PDB file of N, CA and C in Angstrom:
ATOM      1  N   UNK A   1      79.869 -78.958 -10.368  1.00  0.00           N
ATOM      2  CA  UNK A   1      79.732 -80.392 -10.238  1.00  0.00           C
ATOM      3  C   UNK A   1      80.311 -81.052 -11.483  1.00  0.00           C
ATOM      4  N   UNK A   2      81.030 -82.123 -11.275  1.00  0.00           N
ATOM      5  CA  UNK A   2      81.653 -82.820 -12.381  1.00  0.00           C
ATOM      6  C   UNK A   2      81.319 -84.307 -12.310  1.00  0.00           C
ATOM      7  N   UNK A   3      81.015 -84.878 -13.445  1.00  0.00           N
ATOM      8  CA  UNK A   3      80.668 -86.291 -13.535  1.00  0.00           C
ATOM      9  C   UNK A   3      81.880 -87.053 -14.056  1.00  0.00           C
ATOM     10  N   UNK A   4      82.285 -88.091 -13.332  1.00  0.00           N
ATOM     11  CA  UNK A   4      83.385 -88.922 -13.808  1.00  0.00           C
ATOM     12  C   UNK A   4      82.815 -90.183 -14.471  1.00  0.00           C
ATOM     13  N   UNK A   5      83.689 -91.016 -15.005  1.00  0.00           N
ATOM     14  CA  UNK A   5      83.229 -92.210 -15.731  1.00  0.00           C
ATOM     15  C   UNK A   5      82.521 -93.197 -14.804  1.00  0.00           C
ATOM     16  N   UNK A   6      82.915 -93.235 -13.540  1.00  0.00           N
ATOM     17  CA  UNK A   6      82.262 -94.118 -12.581  1.00  0.00           C
ATOM     18  C   UNK A   6      80.796 -93.725 -12.382  1.00  0.00           C
ATOM     19  N   UNK A   7      80.580 -92.420 -12.215  1.00  0.00           N
ATOM     20  CA  UNK A   7      79.219 -91.919 -12.029  1.00  0.00           C
ATOM     21  C   UNK A   7      78.405 -92.109 -13.305  1.00  0.00           C
ATOM     22  N   UNK A   8      79.023 -91.905 -14.454  1.00  0.00           N
ATOM     23  CA  UNK A   8      78.327 -92.110 -15.724  1.00  0.00           C
ATOM     24  C   UNK A   8      77.908 -93.566 -15.870  1.00  0.00           C
ATOM     25  N   UNK A   9      78.768 -94.491 -15.447  1.00  0.00           N
ATOM     26  CA  UNK A   9      78.424 -95.915 -15.505  1.00  0.00           C
ATOM     27  C   UNK A   9      77.262 -96.226 -14.574  1.00  0.00           C
ATOM     28  N   UNK A  10      77.262 -95.604 -13.391  1.00  0.00           N
ATOM     29  CA  UNK A  10      76.177 -95.833 -12.435  1.00  0.00           C
ATOM     30  C   UNK A  10      74.855 -95.295 -12.980  1.00  0.00           C
ATOM     31  N   UNK A  11      74.880 -94.109 -13.576  1.00  0.00           N
ATOM     32  CA  UNK A  11      73.665 -93.523 -14.155  1.00  0.00           C
ATOM     33  C   UNK A  11      73.147 -94.397 -15.289  1.00  0.00           C
ATOM     34  N   UNK A  12      74.043 -94.890 -16.122  1.00  0.00           N
ATOM     35  CA  UNK A  12      73.644 -95.766 -17.224  1.00  0.00           C
ATOM     36  C   UNK A  12      73.012 -97.043 -16.688  1.00  0.00           C
ATOM     37  N   UNK A  13      73.569 -97.580 -15.622  1.00  0.00           N
ATOM     38  CA  UNK A  13      73.011 -98.800 -15.023  1.00  0.00           C
ATOM     39  C   UNK A  13      71.627 -98.532 -14.453  1.00  0.00           C
ATOM     40  N   UNK A  14      71.468 -97.401 -13.745  1.00  0.00           N
ATOM     41  CA  UNK A  14      70.168 -97.052 -13.180  1.00  0.00           C
ATOM     42  C   UNK A  14      69.119 -96.824 -14.268  1.00  0.00           C
ATOM     43  N   UNK A  15      69.565 -96.288 -15.407  1.00  0.00           N
ATOM     44  CA  UNK A  15      68.653 -96.049 -16.525  1.00  0.00           C
ATOM     45  C   UNK A  15      68.469 -97.292 -17.385  1.00  0.00           C
ATOM     46  N   UNK A  16      69.163 -98.362 -17.001  1.00  0.00           N
ATOM     47  CA  UNK A  16      69.110 -99.631 -17.733  1.00  0.00           C
ATOM     48  C   UNK A  16      69.527 -99.454 -19.193  1.00  0.00           C
ATOM     49  N   UNK A  17      70.615 -98.702 -19.365  1.00  0.00           N
ATOM     50  CA  UNK A  17      71.175 -98.463 -20.697  1.00  0.00           C
ATOM     51  C   UNK A  17      72.542 -99.126 -20.744  1.00  0.00           C
ATOM     52  N   UNK A  18      72.751 -99.986 -21.709  1.00  0.00           N
ATOM     53  CA  UNK A  18      74.050-100.641 -21.844  1.00  0.00           C
ATOM     54  C   UNK A  18      75.003 -99.677 -22.545  1.00  0.00           C
ATOM     55  N   UNK A  19      76.093 -99.360 -21.870  1.00  0.00           N
ATOM     56  CA  UNK A  19      77.116 -98.477 -22.423  1.00  0.00           C
ATOM     57  C   UNK A  19      78.435 -99.222 -22.356  1.00  0.00           C
ATOM     58  N   UNK A  20      79.095 -99.308 -23.490  1.00  0.00           N
ATOM     59  CA  UNK A  20      80.395 -99.984 -23.532  1.00  0.00           C
ATOM     60  C   UNK A  20      81.415 -99.187 -22.722  1.00  0.00           C
ATOM     61  N   UNK A  21      82.407 -99.878 -22.207  1.00  0.00           N
ATOM     62  CA  UNK A  21      83.426 -99.264 -21.346  1.00  0.00           C
ATOM     63  C   UNK A  21      84.153 -98.117 -22.052  1.00  0.00           C
ATOM     64  N   UNK A  22      84.432 -98.283 -23.355  1.00  0.00           N
ATOM     65  CA  UNK A  22      85.153 -97.236 -24.080  1.00  0.00           C
ATOM     66  C   UNK A  22      84.286 -96.019 -24.388  1.00  0.00           C
ATOM     67  N   UNK A  23      82.945 -96.131 -24.239  1.00  0.00           N
ATOM     68  CA  UNK A  23      82.044 -95.005 -24.501  1.00  0.00           C
ATOM     69  C   UNK A  23      81.741 -94.210 -23.238  1.00  0.00           C
ATOM     70  N   UNK A  24      82.178 -94.695 -22.073  1.00  0.00           N
ATOM     71  CA  UNK A  24      81.892 -94.004 -20.812  1.00  0.00           C
ATOM     72  C   UNK A  24      82.501 -92.601 -20.715  1.00  0.00           C
ATOM     73  N   UNK A  25      83.755 -92.378 -21.163  1.00  0.00           N
ATOM     74  CA  UNK A  25      84.282 -91.000 -21.089  1.00  0.00           C
ATOM     75  C   UNK A  25      83.450 -90.010 -21.910  1.00  0.00           C
ATOM     76  N   UNK A  26      82.979 -90.414 -23.078  1.00  0.00           N
ATOM     77  CA  UNK A  26      82.152 -89.508 -23.889  1.00  0.00           C
ATOM     78  C   UNK A  26      80.827 -89.235 -23.209  1.00  0.00           C
ATOM     79  N   UNK A  27      80.244 -90.269 -22.568  1.00  0.00           N
ATOM     80  CA  UNK A  27      78.985 -90.086 -21.854  1.00  0.00           C
ATOM     81  C   UNK A  27      79.182 -89.143 -20.671  1.00  0.00           C
ATOM     82  N   UNK A  28      80.266 -89.309 -19.937  1.00  0.00           N
ATOM     83  CA  UNK A  28      80.558 -88.412 -18.810  1.00  0.00           C
ATOM     84  C   UNK A  28      80.724 -86.980 -19.294  1.00  0.00           C
ATOM     85  N   UNK A  29      81.372 -86.801 -20.445  1.00  0.00           N
ATOM     86  CA  UNK A  29      81.553 -85.455 -20.998  1.00  0.00           C
ATOM     87  C   UNK A  29      80.207 -84.846 -21.384  1.00  0.00           C
ATOM     88  N   UNK A  30      79.307 -85.658 -21.945  1.00  0.00           N
ATOM     89  CA  UNK A  30      77.968 -85.157 -22.280  1.00  0.00           C
ATOM     90  C   UNK A  30      77.220 -84.720 -21.038  1.00  0.00           C
ATOM     91  N   UNK A  31      77.303 -85.539 -19.975  1.00  0.00           N
ATOM     92  CA  UNK A  31      76.665 -85.168 -18.717  1.00  0.00           C
ATOM     93  C   UNK A  31      77.220 -83.852 -18.198  1.00  0.00           C
ATOM     94  N   UNK A  32      78.528 -83.686 -18.276  1.00  0.00           N
ATOM     95  CA  UNK A  32      79.149 -82.445 -17.812  1.00  0.00           C
ATOM     96  C   UNK A  32      78.703 -81.250 -18.644  1.00  0.00           C
ATOM     97  N   UNK A  33      78.534 -81.442 -19.950  1.00  0.00           N
ATOM     98  CA  UNK A  33      78.047 -80.366 -20.809  1.00  0.00           C
ATOM     99  C   UNK A  33      76.631 -79.970 -20.419  1.00  0.00           C
ATOM    100  N   UNK A  34      75.783 -80.957 -20.172  1.00  0.00           N
ATOM    101  CA  UNK A  34      74.400 -80.683 -19.767  1.00  0.00           C
ATOM    102  C   UNK A  34      74.375 -79.952 -18.431  1.00  0.00           C
ATOM    103  N   UNK A  35      75.166 -80.424 -17.471  1.00  0.00           N
ATOM    104  CA  UNK A  35      75.206 -79.761 -16.170  1.00  0.00           C
ATOM    105  C   UNK A  35      75.736 -78.334 -16.278  1.00  0.00           C
ATOM    106  N   UNK A  36      76.699 -78.108 -17.161  1.00  0.00           N
ATOM    107  CA  UNK A  36      77.204 -76.754 -17.393  1.00  0.00           C
ATOM    108  C   UNK A  36      76.123 -75.841 -17.936  1.00  0.00           C
ATOM    109  N   UNK A  37      75.301 -76.359 -18.843  1.00  0.00           N
ATOM    110  CA  UNK A  37      74.210 -75.563 -19.391  1.00  0.00           C
ATOM    111  C   UNK A  37      73.190 -75.239 -18.302  1.00  0.00           C
ATOM    112  N   UNK A  38      72.905 -76.194 -17.430  1.00  0.00           N
ATOM    113  CA  UNK A  38      71.964 -75.958 -16.335  1.00  0.00           C
ATOM    114  C   UNK A  38      72.506 -74.891 -15.389  1.00  0.00           C
ATOM    115  N   UNK A  39      73.804 -74.920 -15.137  1.00  0.00           N
ATOM    116  CA  UNK A  39      74.416 -73.883 -14.297  1.00  0.00           C
ATOM    117  C   UNK A  39      74.281 -72.512 -14.944  1.00  0.00           C
ATOM    118  N   UNK A  40      74.419 -72.438 -16.264  1.00  0.00           N
ATOM    119  CA  UNK A  40      74.220 -71.164 -16.964  1.00  0.00           C
ATOM    120  C   UNK A  40      72.793 -70.685 -16.804  1.00  0.00           C
ATOM    121  N   UNK A  41      71.825 -71.595 -16.911  1.00  0.00           N
ATOM    122  CA  UNK A  41      70.422 -71.208 -16.753  1.00  0.00           C
ATOM    123  C   UNK A  41      70.132 -70.705 -15.347  1.00  0.00           C
ATOM    124  N   UNK A  42      70.802 -71.273 -14.351  1.00  0.00           N
ATOM    125  CA  UNK A  42      70.593 -70.833 -12.972  1.00  0.00           C
ATOM    126  C   UNK A  42      71.100 -69.418 -12.734  1.00  0.00           C
ATOM    127  N   UNK A  43      71.991 -68.926 -13.582  1.00  0.00           N
ATOM    128  CA  UNK A  43      72.522 -67.573 -13.435  1.00  0.00           C
ATOM    129  C   UNK A  43      71.586 -66.508 -14.003  1.00  0.00           C
ATOM    130  N   UNK A  44      70.588 -66.899 -14.772  1.00  0.00           N
ATOM    131  CA  UNK A  44      69.673 -65.940 -15.392  1.00  0.00           C
ATOM    132  C   UNK A  44      68.741 -65.364 -14.333  1.00  0.00           C
ATOM    133  N   UNK A  45      68.595 -64.036 -14.327  1.00  0.00           N
ATOM    134  CA  UNK A  45      67.706 -63.371 -13.379  1.00  0.00           C
ATOM    135  C   UNK A  45      66.277 -63.411 -13.921  1.00  0.00           C
ATOM    136  N   UNK A  46      65.411 -64.122 -13.235  1.00  0.00           N
ATOM    137  CA  UNK A  46      64.031 -64.261 -13.684  1.00  0.00           C
ATOM    138  C   UNK A  46      63.046 -63.628 -12.697  1.00  0.00           C
ATOM    139  N   UNK A  47      63.537 -62.770 -11.833  1.00  0.00           N
ATOM    140  CA  UNK A  47      62.652 -62.093 -10.885  1.00  0.00           C
ATOM    141  C   UNK A  47      61.674 -61.200 -11.643  1.00  0.00           C
ATOM    142  N   UNK A  48      60.411 -61.292 -11.287  1.00  0.00           N
ATOM    143  CA  UNK A  48      59.380 -60.453 -11.898  1.00  0.00           C
ATOM    144  C   UNK A  48      58.878 -60.977 -13.234  1.00  0.00           C
ATOM    145  N   UNK A  49      59.332 -62.116 -13.667  1.00  0.00           N
ATOM    146  CA  UNK A  49      58.881 -62.676 -14.943  1.00  0.00           C
ATOM    147  C   UNK A  49      57.887 -63.792 -14.646  1.00  0.00           C
ATOM    148  N   UNK A  50      56.698 -63.659 -15.205  1.00  0.00           N
ATOM    149  CA  UNK A  50      55.665 -64.661 -14.967  1.00  0.00           C
ATOM    150  C   UNK A  50      55.933 -65.905 -15.798  1.00  0.00           C
ATOM    151  N   UNK A  51      55.642 -67.078 -15.235  1.00  0.00           N
ATOM    152  CA  UNK A  51      55.776 -68.304 -16.021  1.00  0.00           C
ATOM    153  C   UNK A  51      54.781 -68.310 -17.167  1.00  0.00           C
ATOM    154  N   UNK A  52      55.150 -68.958 -18.262  1.00  0.00           N
ATOM    155  CA  UNK A  52      54.237 -69.020 -19.399  1.00  0.00           C
ATOM    156  C   UNK A  52      54.128 -70.453 -19.892  1.00  0.00           C
ATOM    157  N   UNK A  53      52.996 -70.750 -20.493  1.00  0.00           N
ATOM    158  CA  UNK A  53      52.775 -72.096 -21.001  1.00  0.00           C
ATOM    159  C   UNK A  53      53.051 -72.188 -22.486  1.00  0.00           C
ATOM    160  N   UNK A  54      53.167 -71.059 -23.145  1.00  0.00           N
ATOM    161  CA  UNK A  54      53.411 -71.047 -24.581  1.00  0.00           C
ATOM    162  C   UNK A  54      54.153 -69.767 -24.937  1.00  0.00           C
ATOM    163  N   UNK A  55      54.859 -69.786 -26.047  1.00  0.00           N
ATOM    164  CA  UNK A  55      55.569 -68.579 -26.474  1.00  0.00           C
ATOM    165  C   UNK A  55      54.661 -67.611 -27.207  1.00  0.00           C
ATOM    166  N   UNK A  56      53.489 -68.079 -27.609  1.00  0.00           N
ATOM    167  CA  UNK A  56      52.528 -67.198 -28.270  1.00  0.00           C
ATOM    168  C   UNK A  56      51.280 -67.084 -27.395  1.00  0.00           C
ATOM    169  N   UNK A  57      50.820 -65.846 -27.170  1.00  0.00           N
ATOM    170  CA  UNK A  57      49.630 -65.673 -26.332  1.00  0.00           C
ATOM    171  C   UNK A  57      48.362 -66.013 -27.116  1.00  0.00           C
ATOM    172  N   UNK A  58      47.876 -67.215 -26.968  1.00  0.00           N
ATOM    173  CA  UNK A  58      46.667 -67.604 -27.684  1.00  0.00           C
ATOM    174  C   UNK A  58      45.860 -68.573 -26.830  1.00  0.00           C
ATOM    175  N   UNK A  59      44.567 -68.571 -27.058  1.00  0.00           N
ATOM    176  CA  UNK A  59      43.683 -69.501 -26.375  1.00  0.00           C
ATOM    177  C   UNK A  59      43.289 -70.591 -27.348  1.00  0.00           C
ATOM    178  N   UNK A  60      43.117 -71.771 -26.838  1.00  0.00           N
ATOM    179  CA  UNK A  60      42.659 -72.864 -27.680  1.00  0.00           C
ATOM    180  C   UNK A  60      41.205 -72.649 -28.053  1.00  0.00           C
ATOM    181  N   UNK A  61      40.843 -72.995 -29.276  1.00  0.00           N
ATOM    182  CA  UNK A  61      39.438 -72.841 -29.660  1.00  0.00           C
ATOM    183  C   UNK A  61      38.558 -73.765 -28.831  1.00  0.00           C
ATOM    184  N   UNK A  62      37.438 -73.254 -28.416  1.00  0.00           N
ATOM    185  CA  UNK A  62      36.534 -74.046 -27.589  1.00  0.00           C
ATOM    186  C   UNK A  62      35.287 -74.379 -28.385  1.00  0.00           C
ATOM    187  N   UNK A  63      34.708 -75.517 -28.056  1.00  0.00           N
ATOM    188  CA  UNK A  63      33.467 -75.908 -28.712  1.00  0.00           C
ATOM    189  C   UNK A  63      32.336 -75.822 -27.706  1.00  0.00           C
ATOM    190  N   UNK A  64      31.151 -75.759 -28.198  1.00  0.00           N
ATOM    191  CA  UNK A  64      29.988 -75.722 -27.335  1.00  0.00           C
ATOM    192  C   UNK A  64      29.823 -77.098 -26.697  1.00  0.00           C
ATOM    193  N   UNK A  65      29.603 -77.096 -25.402  1.00  0.00           N
ATOM    194  CA  UNK A  65      29.443 -78.346 -24.671  1.00  0.00           C
ATOM    195  C   UNK A  65      27.980 -78.768 -24.740  1.00  0.00           C
ATOM    196  N   UNK A  66      27.685 -79.657 -25.662  1.00  0.00           N
ATOM    197  CA  UNK A  66      26.316 -80.119 -25.843  1.00  0.00           C
ATOM    198  C   UNK A  66      26.228 -81.589 -25.461  1.00  0.00           C
ATOM    199  N   UNK A  67      25.217 -81.921 -24.683  1.00  0.00           N
ATOM    200  CA  UNK A  67      25.006 -83.299 -24.288  1.00  0.00           C
ATOM    201  C   UNK A  67      24.217 -84.001 -25.381  1.00  0.00           C
ATOM    202  N   UNK A  68      24.734 -85.152 -25.834  1.00  0.00           N
ATOM    203  CA  UNK A  68      23.998 -85.965 -26.792  1.00  0.00           C
ATOM    204  C   UNK A  68      24.347 -87.428 -26.547  1.00  0.00           C
ATOM    205  N   UNK A  69      23.605 -88.303 -27.162  1.00  0.00           N
ATOM    206  CA  UNK A  69      23.836 -89.731 -26.915  1.00  0.00           C
ATOM    207  C   UNK A  69      24.881 -90.315 -27.857  1.00  0.00           C
ATOM    208  N   UNK A  70      25.417 -89.540 -28.753  1.00  0.00           N
ATOM    209  CA  UNK A  70      26.432 -90.004 -29.682  1.00  0.00           C
ATOM    210  C   UNK A  70      25.850 -90.722 -30.886  1.00  0.00           C
ATOM    211  N   UNK A  71      24.680 -91.319 -30.723  1.00  0.00           N
ATOM    212  CA  UNK A  71      23.965 -91.999 -31.796  1.00  0.00           C
ATOM    213  C   UNK A  71      24.855 -93.015 -32.521  1.00  0.00           C
ATOM    214  N   UNK A  72      25.696 -93.724 -31.759  1.00  0.00           N
ATOM    215  CA  UNK A  72      26.581 -94.715 -32.354  1.00  0.00           C
ATOM    216  C   UNK A  72      26.584 -96.016 -31.559  1.00  0.00           C
ATOM    217  N   UNK A  73      25.480 -96.313 -30.909  1.00  0.00           N
ATOM    218  CA  UNK A  73      25.417 -97.488 -30.053  1.00  0.00           C
ATOM    219  C   UNK A  73      25.746 -98.766 -30.818  1.00  0.00           C
ATOM    220  N   UNK A  74      25.197 -98.921 -32.002  1.00  0.00           N
ATOM    221  CA  UNK A  74      25.452-100.137 -32.777  1.00  0.00           C
ATOM    222  C   UNK A  74      26.927-100.259 -33.155  1.00  0.00           C
ATOM    223  N   UNK A  75      27.556 -99.158 -33.560  1.00  0.00           N
ATOM    224  CA  UNK A  75      28.975 -99.184 -33.916  1.00  0.00           C
ATOM    225  C   UNK A  75      29.839 -99.546 -32.715  1.00  0.00           C
ATOM    226  N   UNK A  76      29.521 -98.958 -31.558  1.00  0.00           N
ATOM    227  CA  UNK A  76      30.305 -99.216 -30.356  1.00  0.00           C
ATOM    228  C   UNK A  76      30.154-100.673 -29.934  1.00  0.00           C
ATOM    229  N   UNK A  77      28.927-101.160 -29.921  1.00  0.00           N
ATOM    230  CA  UNK A  77      28.687-102.533 -29.477  1.00  0.00           C
ATOM    231  C   UNK A  77      29.192-103.564 -30.474  1.00  0.00           C
ATOM    232  N   UNK A  78      29.426-103.165 -31.727  1.00  0.00           N
ATOM    233  CA  UNK A  78      29.953-104.115 -32.708  1.00  0.00           C
ATOM    234  C   UNK A  78      31.379-104.539 -32.352  1.00  0.00           C
ATOM    235  N   UNK A  79      32.074-103.734 -31.568  1.00  0.00           N
ATOM    236  CA  UNK A  79      33.432-104.066 -31.140  1.00  0.00           C
ATOM    237  C   UNK A  79      33.459-104.929 -29.889  1.00  0.00           C
ATOM    238  N   UNK A  80      32.343-105.070 -29.219  1.00  0.00           N
ATOM    239  CA  UNK A  80      32.303-105.810 -27.959  1.00  0.00           C
ATOM    240  C   UNK A  80      32.346-107.311 -28.213  1.00  0.00           C
ATOM    241  N   UNK A  81      33.078-108.057 -27.381  1.00  0.00           N
ATOM    242  CA  UNK A  81      33.089-109.509 -27.539  1.00  0.00           C
ATOM    243  C   UNK A  81      31.720-110.126 -27.227  1.00  0.00           C
ATOM    244  N   UNK A  82      30.968-109.476 -26.332  1.00  0.00           N
ATOM    245  CA  UNK A  82      29.643-109.981 -25.975  1.00  0.00           C
ATOM    246  C   UNK A  82      28.753-108.795 -25.623  1.00  0.00           C
ATOM    247  N   UNK A  83      27.694-108.600 -26.390  1.00  0.00           N
ATOM    248  CA  UNK A  83      26.754-107.511 -26.135  1.00  0.00           C
ATOM    249  C   UNK A  83      25.351-108.083 -26.114  1.00  0.00           C
ATOM    250  N   UNK A  84      24.556-107.636 -25.125  1.00  0.00           N
ATOM    251  CA  UNK A  84      23.179-108.104 -24.989  1.00  0.00           C
ATOM    252  C   UNK A  84      22.279-106.932 -24.659  1.00  0.00           C
ATOM    253  N   UNK A  85      21.142-106.881 -25.310  1.00  0.00           N
ATOM    254  CA  UNK A  85      20.100-105.890 -25.047  1.00  0.00           C
ATOM    255  C   UNK A  85      20.636-104.457 -25.075  1.00  0.00           C
ATOM    256  N   UNK A  86      21.578-104.188 -25.954  1.00  0.00           N
ATOM    257  CA  UNK A  86      22.101-102.834 -26.112  1.00  0.00           C
ATOM    258  C   UNK A  86      23.187-102.452 -25.118  1.00  0.00           C
ATOM    259  N   UNK A  87      23.764-103.418 -24.397  1.00  0.00           N
ATOM    260  CA  UNK A  87      24.803-103.144 -23.409  1.00  0.00           C
ATOM    261  C   UNK A  87      25.958-104.118 -23.585  1.00  0.00           C
ATOM    262  N   UNK A  88      27.115-103.758 -23.006  1.00  0.00           N
ATOM    263  CA  UNK A  88      28.241-104.690 -22.947  1.00  0.00           C
ATOM    264  C   UNK A  88      27.881-105.777 -21.929  1.00  0.00           C
ATOM    265  N   UNK A  89      28.143-107.013 -22.264  1.00  0.00           N
ATOM    266  CA  UNK A  89      27.931-108.113 -21.334  1.00  0.00           C
ATOM    267  C   UNK A  89      29.278-108.544 -20.774  1.00  0.00           C
ATOM    268  N   UNK A  90      29.364-108.586 -19.453  1.00  0.00           N
ATOM    269  CA  UNK A  90      30.616-108.953 -18.801  1.00  0.00           C
ATOM    270  C   UNK A  90      30.341-110.089 -17.808  1.00  0.00           C
ATOM    271  N   UNK A  91      31.343-110.894 -17.510  1.00  0.00           N
ATOM    272  CA  UNK A  91      31.130-111.976 -16.556  1.00  0.00           C
ATOM    273  C   UNK A  91      30.898-111.419 -15.147  1.00  0.00           C
ATOM    274  N   UNK A  92      30.146-112.154 -14.365  1.00  0.00           N
ATOM    275  CA  UNK A  92      29.859-111.767 -12.990  1.00  0.00           C
ATOM    276  C   UNK A  92      31.142-111.902 -12.167  1.00  0.00           C
ATOM    277  N   UNK A  93      31.455-110.841 -11.384  1.00  0.00           N
ATOM    278  CA  UNK A  93      32.667-110.870 -10.578  1.00  0.00           C
ATOM    279  C   UNK A  93      32.367-110.790  -9.089  1.00  0.00           C
ATOM    280  N   UNK A  94      31.140-110.509  -8.713  1.00  0.00           N
ATOM    281  CA  UNK A  94      30.765-110.420  -7.311  1.00  0.00           C
ATOM    282  C   UNK A  94      29.827-111.567  -6.982  1.00  0.00           C
ATOM    283  N   UNK A  95      30.057-112.223  -5.880  1.00  0.00           N
ATOM    284  CA  UNK A  95      29.201-113.363  -5.491  1.00  0.00           C
ATOM    285  C   UNK A  95      28.092-112.894  -4.582  1.00  0.00           C
TER     286      UNK A  95
END
């Protein structure tokens, strides 16, 4: 597959990127380079290889899941525009 300057201009327009007319051949060449690399990747035999999420086999450290109240009610409510009786106060939206 080959990208010409017309297609590069269309892609730039769809991506809402302003590209000057004289820069379109370079953009088309970049697209062609990227597509060439993708074609190379498609030639790699990956049968029998499991997908991986990381290059190093490690598990993320886990913490104990403990339920608590956070003990920060005053700090949280200090950011509220309107707080009453320990809760956020919001305008009534249902009649």
